[in-house]
Structures are given as structure tokens and as C-alpha cells.
């Protein structure tokens, strides 16, 4: 009876250790993904800034063209 109980406890302990290792790996993956998302967001923000600068320049060029045509 005690042997069966001890065996089951050992199995549970092994499972807990396995789950802890898997949890650690998953936490690392989440951190990596969060880093990738943050980098992508920064890149998107930079592109938005560049877009606004280009819009301003194009608007300035169109204003100059309109002045010449008037």
C-alpha cells in the first residue's frame, strides 16, 4: 500500500518538475515575443513619423507649384 502511494507521489513530483520547466520555457518565449512586438511598434512609430515628414514636404512642394501656376 505504501509502495503504491510512494510511487504515485514520485509521479506527481516528476510531473510538477516537468510543468515548472515548461512554464519557465513559456515565460521566456513570452518575453521574446513581447520584445519583438515592442521592436515592431517602434519601427511602426518611426515609419509614421517619416510619413508625416514626407506629407509635409509634398504639401510644401504642391504649395510652391500652386504659387507658380497662379
PDB file of N, CA and C in Angstrom:
ATOM      1  N   UNK A   1       0.812  -1.189   0.000  1.00  0.00           N
ATOM      2  CA  UNK A   1       0.000   0.000   0.000  1.00  0.00           C
ATOM      3  C   UNK A   1       0.863   1.263   0.000  1.00  0.00           C
ATOM      4  N   UNK A   2       1.871   1.288   0.894  1.00  0.00           N
ATOM      5  CA  UNK A   2       2.746   2.440   0.961  1.00  0.00           C
ATOM      6  C   UNK A   2       3.608   2.571  -0.289  1.00  0.00           C
ATOM      7  N   UNK A   3       3.954   1.422  -0.852  1.00  0.00           N
ATOM      8  CA  UNK A   3       4.753   1.450  -2.079  1.00  0.00           C
ATOM      9  C   UNK A   3       3.978   2.124  -3.209  1.00  0.00           C
ATOM     10  N   UNK A   4       2.711   1.807  -3.309  1.00  0.00           N
ATOM     11  CA  UNK A   4       1.864   2.412  -4.349  1.00  0.00           C
ATOM     12  C   UNK A   4       1.735   3.911  -4.106  1.00  0.00           C
ATOM     13  N   UNK A   5       1.524   4.280  -2.851  1.00  0.00           N
ATOM     14  CA  UNK A   5       1.411   5.700  -2.512  1.00  0.00           C
ATOM     15  C   UNK A   5       2.717   6.435  -2.819  1.00  0.00           C
ATOM     16  N   UNK A   6       3.828   5.847  -2.463  1.00  0.00           N
ATOM     17  CA  UNK A   6       5.135   6.456  -2.725  1.00  0.00           C
ATOM     18  C   UNK A   6       5.379   6.593  -4.232  1.00  0.00           C
ATOM     19  N   UNK A   7       5.000   5.580  -4.968  1.00  0.00           N
ATOM     20  CA  UNK A   7       5.158   5.605  -6.420  1.00  0.00           C
ATOM     21  C   UNK A   7       4.318   6.732  -7.042  1.00  0.00           C
ATOM     22  N   UNK A   8       3.091   6.872  -6.582  1.00  0.00           N
ATOM     23  CA  UNK A   8       2.213   7.920  -7.099  1.00  0.00           C
ATOM     24  C   UNK A   8       2.739   9.312  -6.729  1.00  0.00           C
ATOM     25  N   UNK A   9       3.254   9.450  -5.527  1.00  0.00           N
ATOM     26  CA  UNK A   9       3.836  10.730  -5.101  1.00  0.00           C
ATOM     27  C   UNK A   9       5.038  11.068  -5.978  1.00  0.00           C
ATOM     28  N   UNK A  10       5.862  10.082  -6.264  1.00  0.00           N
ATOM     29  CA  UNK A  10       7.018  10.299  -7.145  1.00  0.00           C
ATOM     30  C   UNK A  10       6.563  10.744  -8.538  1.00  0.00           C
ATOM     31  N   UNK A  11       5.506  10.134  -9.040  1.00  0.00           N
ATOM     32  CA  UNK A  11       4.980  10.501 -10.354  1.00  0.00           C
ATOM     33  C   UNK A  11       4.475  11.942 -10.348  1.00  0.00           C
ATOM     34  N   UNK A  12       3.784  12.307  -9.291  1.00  0.00           N
ATOM     35  CA  UNK A  12       3.270  13.680  -9.170  1.00  0.00           C
ATOM     36  C   UNK A  12       4.429  14.664  -9.090  1.00  0.00           C
ATOM     37  N   UNK A  13       5.437  14.341  -8.317  1.00  0.00           N
ATOM     38  CA  UNK A  13       6.593  15.224  -8.184  1.00  0.00           C
ATOM     39  C   UNK A  13       7.305  15.396  -9.530  1.00  0.00           C
ATOM     40  N   UNK A  14       7.443  14.316 -10.274  1.00  0.00           N
ATOM     41  CA  UNK A  14       8.057  14.395 -11.602  1.00  0.00           C
ATOM     42  C   UNK A  14       7.235  15.283 -12.527  1.00  0.00           C
ATOM     43  N   UNK A  15       5.931  15.131 -12.462  1.00  0.00           N
ATOM     44  CA  UNK A  15       5.046  15.934 -13.298  1.00  0.00           C
ATOM     45  C   UNK A  15       5.160  17.416 -12.935  1.00  0.00           C
ATOM     46  N   UNK A  16       5.224  17.715 -11.645  1.00  0.00           N
ATOM     47  CA  UNK A  16       5.360  19.102 -11.187  1.00  0.00           C
ATOM     48  C   UNK A  16       6.662  19.703 -11.703  1.00  0.00           C
ATOM     49  N   UNK A  17       7.741  18.945 -11.620  1.00  0.00           N
ATOM     50  CA  UNK A  17       9.030  19.440 -12.115  1.00  0.00           C
ATOM     51  C   UNK A  17       8.974  19.697 -13.623  1.00  0.00           C
ATOM     52  N   UNK A  18       8.350  18.792 -14.348  1.00  0.00           N
ATOM     53  CA  UNK A  18       8.201  18.964 -15.796  1.00  0.00           C
ATOM     54  C   UNK A  18       7.397  20.212 -16.107  1.00  0.00           C
ATOM     55  N   UNK A  19       6.317  20.409 -15.370  1.00  0.00           N
ATOM     56  CA  UNK A  19       5.478  21.589 -15.589  1.00  0.00           C
ATOM     57  C   UNK A  19       6.221  22.876 -15.246  1.00  0.00           C
ATOM     58  N   UNK A  20       7.049  22.850 -14.226  1.00  0.00           N
ATOM     59  CA  UNK A  20       7.846  24.027 -13.885  1.00  0.00           C
ATOM     60  C   UNK A  20       8.826  24.364 -15.015  1.00  0.00           C
ATOM     61  N   UNK A  21       9.455  23.347 -15.568  1.00  0.00           N
ATOM     62  CA  UNK A  21      10.389  23.581 -16.686  1.00  0.00           C
ATOM     63  C   UNK A  21       9.655  24.138 -17.900  1.00  0.00           C
ATOM     64  N   UNK A  22       8.513  23.550 -18.209  1.00  0.00           N
ATOM     65  CA  UNK A  22       7.722  24.039 -19.342  1.00  0.00           C
ATOM     66  C   UNK A  22       7.250  25.475 -19.104  1.00  0.00           C
ATOM     67  N   UNK A  23       6.854  25.778 -17.890  1.00  0.00           N
ATOM     68  CA  UNK A  23       6.408  27.125 -17.543  1.00  0.00           C
ATOM     69  C   UNK A  23       7.545  28.136 -17.735  1.00  0.00           C
ATOM     70  N   UNK A  24       8.736  27.764 -17.315  1.00  0.00           N
ATOM     71  CA  UNK A  24       9.898  28.635 -17.488  1.00  0.00           C
ATOM     72  C   UNK A  24      10.169  28.888 -18.964  1.00  0.00           C
ATOM     73  N   UNK A  25      10.113  27.841 -19.771  1.00  0.00           N
ATOM     74  CA  UNK A  25      10.330  27.987 -21.212  1.00  0.00           C
ATOM     75  C   UNK A  25       9.260  28.886 -21.834  1.00  0.00           C
ATOM     76  N   UNK A  26       8.025  28.704 -21.426  1.00  0.00           N
ATOM     77  CA  UNK A  26       6.940  29.521 -21.972  1.00  0.00           C
ATOM     78  C   UNK A  26       7.086  30.989 -21.564  1.00  0.00           C
ATOM     79  N   UNK A  27       7.521  31.233 -20.343  1.00  0.00           N
ATOM     80  CA  UNK A  27       7.750  32.611 -19.909  1.00  0.00           C
ATOM     81  C   UNK A  27       8.841  33.267 -20.753  1.00  0.00           C
ATOM     82  N   UNK A  28       9.887  32.504 -21.067  1.00  0.00           N
ATOM     83  CA  UNK A  28      10.958  33.039 -21.910  1.00  0.00           C
ATOM     84  C   UNK A  28      10.440  33.360 -23.309  1.00  0.00           C
ATOM     85  N   UNK A  29       9.617  32.477 -23.855  1.00  0.00           N
ATOM     86  CA  UNK A  29       9.045  32.721 -25.173  1.00  0.00           C
ATOM     87  C   UNK A  29       8.163  33.962 -25.170  1.00  0.00           C
ATOM     88  N   UNK A  30       7.389  34.130 -24.109  1.00  0.00           N
ATOM     89  CA  UNK A  30       6.525  35.311 -23.998  1.00  0.00           C
ATOM     90  C   UNK A  30       7.379  36.570 -23.974  1.00  0.00           C
ATOM     91  N   UNK A  31       8.463  36.557 -23.206  1.00  0.00           N
ATOM     92  CA  UNK A  31       9.350  37.715 -23.148  1.00  0.00           C
ATOM     93  C   UNK A  31       9.946  38.018 -24.517  1.00  0.00           C
ATOM     94  N   UNK A  32      10.353  36.978 -25.236  1.00  0.00           N
ATOM     95  CA  UNK A  32      10.908  37.169 -26.578  1.00  0.00           C
ATOM     96  C   UNK A  32       9.859  37.786 -27.507  1.00  0.00           C
ATOM     97  N   UNK A  33       8.651  37.269 -27.443  1.00  0.00           N
ATOM     98  CA  UNK A  33       7.585  37.784 -28.296  1.00  0.00           C
ATOM     99  C   UNK A  33       7.243  39.221 -27.940  1.00  0.00           C
ATOM    100  N   UNK A  34       7.236  39.536 -26.658  1.00  0.00           N
ATOM    101  CA  UNK A  34       6.971  40.909 -26.237  1.00  0.00           C
ATOM    102  C   UNK A  34       8.055  41.846 -26.760  1.00  0.00           C
ATOM    103  N   UNK A  35       9.295  41.375 -26.759  1.00  0.00           N
ATOM    104  CA  UNK A  35      10.397  42.165 -27.311  1.00  0.00           C
ATOM    105  C   UNK A  35      10.210  42.402 -28.798  1.00  0.00           C
ATOM    106  N   UNK A  36       9.774  41.372 -29.524  1.00  0.00           N
ATOM    107  CA  UNK A  36       9.535  41.516 -30.957  1.00  0.00           C
ATOM    108  C   UNK A  36       8.392  42.485 -31.229  1.00  0.00           C
ATOM    109  N   UNK A  37       7.354  42.394 -30.420  1.00  0.00           N
ATOM    110  CA  UNK A  37       6.213  43.299 -30.586  1.00  0.00           C
ATOM    111  C   UNK A  37       6.644  44.737 -30.318  1.00  0.00           C
ATOM    112  N   UNK A  38       7.433  44.932 -29.283  1.00  0.00           N
ATOM    113  CA  UNK A  38       7.901  46.280 -28.950  1.00  0.00           C
ATOM    114  C   UNK A  38       8.777  46.828 -30.086  1.00  0.00           C
ATOM    115  N   UNK A  39       9.664  46.009 -30.623  1.00  0.00           N
ATOM    116  CA  UNK A  39      10.513  46.447 -31.730  1.00  0.00           C
ATOM    117  C   UNK A  39       9.673  46.792 -32.952  1.00  0.00           C
ATOM    118  N   UNK A  40       8.668  45.983 -33.233  1.00  0.00           N
ATOM    119  CA  UNK A  40       7.790  46.253 -34.377  1.00  0.00           C
ATOM    120  C   UNK A  40       7.010  47.547 -34.153  1.00  0.00           C
ATOM    121  N   UNK A  41       6.564  47.792 -32.929  1.00  0.00           N
ATOM    122  CA  UNK A  41       5.833  49.024 -32.631  1.00  0.00           C
ATOM    123  C   UNK A  41       6.730  50.245 -32.800  1.00  0.00           C
ATOM    124  N   UNK A  42       7.963  50.127 -32.355  1.00  0.00           N
ATOM    125  CA  UNK A  42       8.916  51.227 -32.522  1.00  0.00           C
ATOM    126  C   UNK A  42       9.159  51.506 -33.994  1.00  0.00           C
ATOM    127  N   UNK A  43       9.304  50.449 -34.779  1.00  0.00           N
ATOM    128  CA  UNK A  43       9.511  50.615 -36.216  1.00  0.00           C
ATOM    129  C   UNK A  43       8.287  51.267 -36.850  1.00  0.00           C
ATOM    130  N   UNK A  44       7.111  50.848 -36.444  1.00  0.00           N
ATOM    131  CA  UNK A  44       5.880  51.440 -36.958  1.00  0.00           C
ATOM    132  C   UNK A  44       5.794  52.922 -36.593  1.00  0.00           C
ATOM    133  N   UNK A  45       6.149  53.247 -35.360  1.00  0.00           N
ATOM    134  CA  UNK A  45       6.140  54.647 -34.935  1.00  0.00           C
ATOM    135  C   UNK A  45       7.111  55.479 -35.778  1.00  0.00           C
ATOM    136  N   UNK A  46       8.295  54.922 -36.039  1.00  0.00           N
ATOM    137  CA  UNK A  46       9.278  55.633 -36.869  1.00  0.00           C
ATOM    138  C   UNK A  46       8.749  55.847 -38.284  1.00  0.00           C
ATOM    139  N   UNK A  47       8.091  54.840 -38.819  1.00  0.00           N
ATOM    140  CA  UNK A  47       7.532  54.967 -40.171  1.00  0.00           C
ATOM    141  C   UNK A  47       6.415  56.007 -40.208  1.00  0.00           C
ATOM    142  N   UNK A  48       5.618  56.066 -39.153  1.00  0.00           N
ATOM    143  CA  UNK A  48       4.563  57.078 -39.077  1.00  0.00           C
ATOM    144  C   UNK A  48       5.169  58.481 -39.063  1.00  0.00           C
ATOM    145  N   UNK A  49       6.262  58.648 -38.308  1.00  0.00           N
ATOM    146  CA  UNK A  49       6.939  59.947 -38.267  1.00  0.00           C
ATOM    147  C   UNK A  49       7.475  60.317 -39.657  1.00  0.00           C
ATOM    148  N   UNK A  50       8.111  59.351 -40.311  1.00  0.00           N
ATOM    149  CA  UNK A  50       8.632  59.597 -41.660  1.00  0.00           C
ATOM    150  C   UNK A  50       7.496  59.960 -42.622  1.00  0.00           C
ATOM    151  N   UNK A  51       6.379  59.279 -42.482  1.00  0.00           N
ATOM    152  CA  UNK A  51       5.216  59.543 -43.332  1.00  0.00           C
ATOM    153  C   UNK A  51       4.757  60.987 -43.159  1.00  0.00           C
ATOM    154  N   UNK A  52       4.685  61.439 -41.913  1.00  0.00           N
ATOM    155  CA  UNK A  52       4.255  62.810 -41.652  1.00  0.00           C
ATOM    156  C   UNK A  52       5.250  63.819 -42.225  1.00  0.00           C
ATOM    157  N   UNK A  53       6.535  63.537 -42.120  1.00  0.00           N
ATOM    158  CA  UNK A  53       7.559  64.427 -42.688  1.00  0.00           C
ATOM    159  C   UNK A  53       7.398  64.505 -44.206  1.00  0.00           C
ATOM    160  N   UNK A  54       7.208  63.350 -44.830  1.00  0.00           N
ATOM    161  CA  UNK A  54       7.043  63.312 -46.297  1.00  0.00           C
ATOM    162  C   UNK A  54       5.773  64.048 -46.705  1.00  0.00           C
ATOM    163  N   UNK A  55       4.690  63.862 -45.953  1.00  0.00           N
ATOM    164  CA  UNK A  55       3.450  64.586 -46.259  1.00  0.00           C
ATOM    165  C   UNK A  55       3.680  66.096 -46.202  1.00  0.00           C
ATOM    166  N   UNK A  56       4.435  66.529 -45.213  1.00  0.00           N
ATOM    167  CA  UNK A  56       4.735  67.955 -45.081  1.00  0.00           C
ATOM    168  C   UNK A  56       5.544  68.467 -46.257  1.00  0.00           C
ATOM    169  N   UNK A  57       6.529  67.684 -46.674  1.00  0.00           N
ATOM    170  CA  UNK A  57       7.370  68.090 -47.804  1.00  0.00           C
ATOM    171  C   UNK A  57       6.556  68.130 -49.096  1.00  0.00           C
ATOM    172  N   UNK A  58       5.729  67.116 -49.311  1.00  0.00           N
ATOM    173  CA  UNK A  58       4.895  67.073 -50.514  1.00  0.00           C
ATOM    174  C   UNK A  58       3.922  68.260 -50.509  1.00  0.00           C
ATOM    175  N   UNK A  59       3.358  68.553 -49.340  1.00  0.00           N
ATOM    176  CA  UNK A  59       2.462  69.705 -49.227  1.00  0.00           C
ATOM    177  C   UNK A  59       3.188  70.996 -49.563  1.00  0.00           C
ATOM    178  N   UNK A  60       4.418  71.136 -49.097  1.00  0.00           N
ATOM    179  CA  UNK A  60       5.224  72.317 -49.412  1.00  0.00           C
ATOM    180  C   UNK A  60       5.508  72.423 -50.892  1.00  0.00           C
ATOM    181  N   UNK A  61       5.841  71.322 -51.525  1.00  0.00           N
ATOM    182  CA  UNK A  61       6.106  71.316 -52.973  1.00  0.00           C
ATOM    183  C   UNK A  61       4.849  71.691 -53.736  1.00  0.00           C
ATOM    184  N   UNK A  62       3.706  71.142 -53.328  1.00  0.00           N
ATOM    185  CA  UNK A  62       2.444  71.482 -54.005  1.00  0.00           C
ATOM    186  C   UNK A  62       2.108  72.961 -53.841  1.00  0.00           C
ATOM    187  N   UNK A  63       2.386  73.519 -52.679  1.00  0.00           N
ATOM    188  CA  UNK A  63       2.161  74.951 -52.470  1.00  0.00           C
ATOM    189  C   UNK A  63       3.031  75.781 -53.414  1.00  0.00           C
ATOM    190  N   UNK A  64       4.295  75.392 -53.557  1.00  0.00           N
ATOM    191  CA  UNK A  64       5.203  76.115 -54.460  1.00  0.00           C
ATOM    192  C   UNK A  64       4.716  76.021 -55.900  1.00  0.00           C
ATOM    193  N   UNK A  65       4.259  74.836 -56.299  1.00  0.00           N
ATOM    194  CA  UNK A  65       3.751  74.643 -57.666  1.00  0.00           C
ATOM    195  C   UNK A  65       2.520  75.519 -57.874  1.00  0.00           C
ATOM    196  N   UNK A  66       1.627  75.550 -56.887  1.00  0.00           N
ATOM    197  CA  UNK A  66       0.424  76.374 -56.984  1.00  0.00           C
ATOM    198  C   UNK A  66       0.762  77.856 -57.078  1.00  0.00           C
ATOM    199  N   UNK A  67       1.800  78.303 -56.387  1.00  0.00           N
ATOM    200  CA  UNK A  67       2.214  79.702 -56.441  1.00  0.00           C
ATOM    201  C   UNK A  67       2.734  80.053 -57.840  1.00  0.00           C
ATOM    202  N   UNK A  68       3.434  79.124 -58.432  1.00  0.00           N
ATOM    203  CA  UNK A  68       3.976  79.367 -59.765  1.00  0.00           C
ATOM    204  C   UNK A  68       2.844  79.378 -60.801  1.00  0.00           C
ATOM    205  N   UNK A  69       1.862  78.542 -60.617  1.00  0.00           N
ATOM    206  CA  UNK A  69       0.773  78.445 -61.578  1.00  0.00           C
ATOM    207  C   UNK A  69      -0.233  79.588 -61.463  1.00  0.00           C
ATOM    208  N   UNK A  70      -0.259  80.254 -60.332  1.00  0.00           N
ATOM    209  CA  UNK A  70      -1.246  81.322 -60.140  1.00  0.00           C
ATOM    210  C   UNK A  70      -0.782  82.614 -60.737  1.00  0.00           C
TER     211      UNK A  70
END
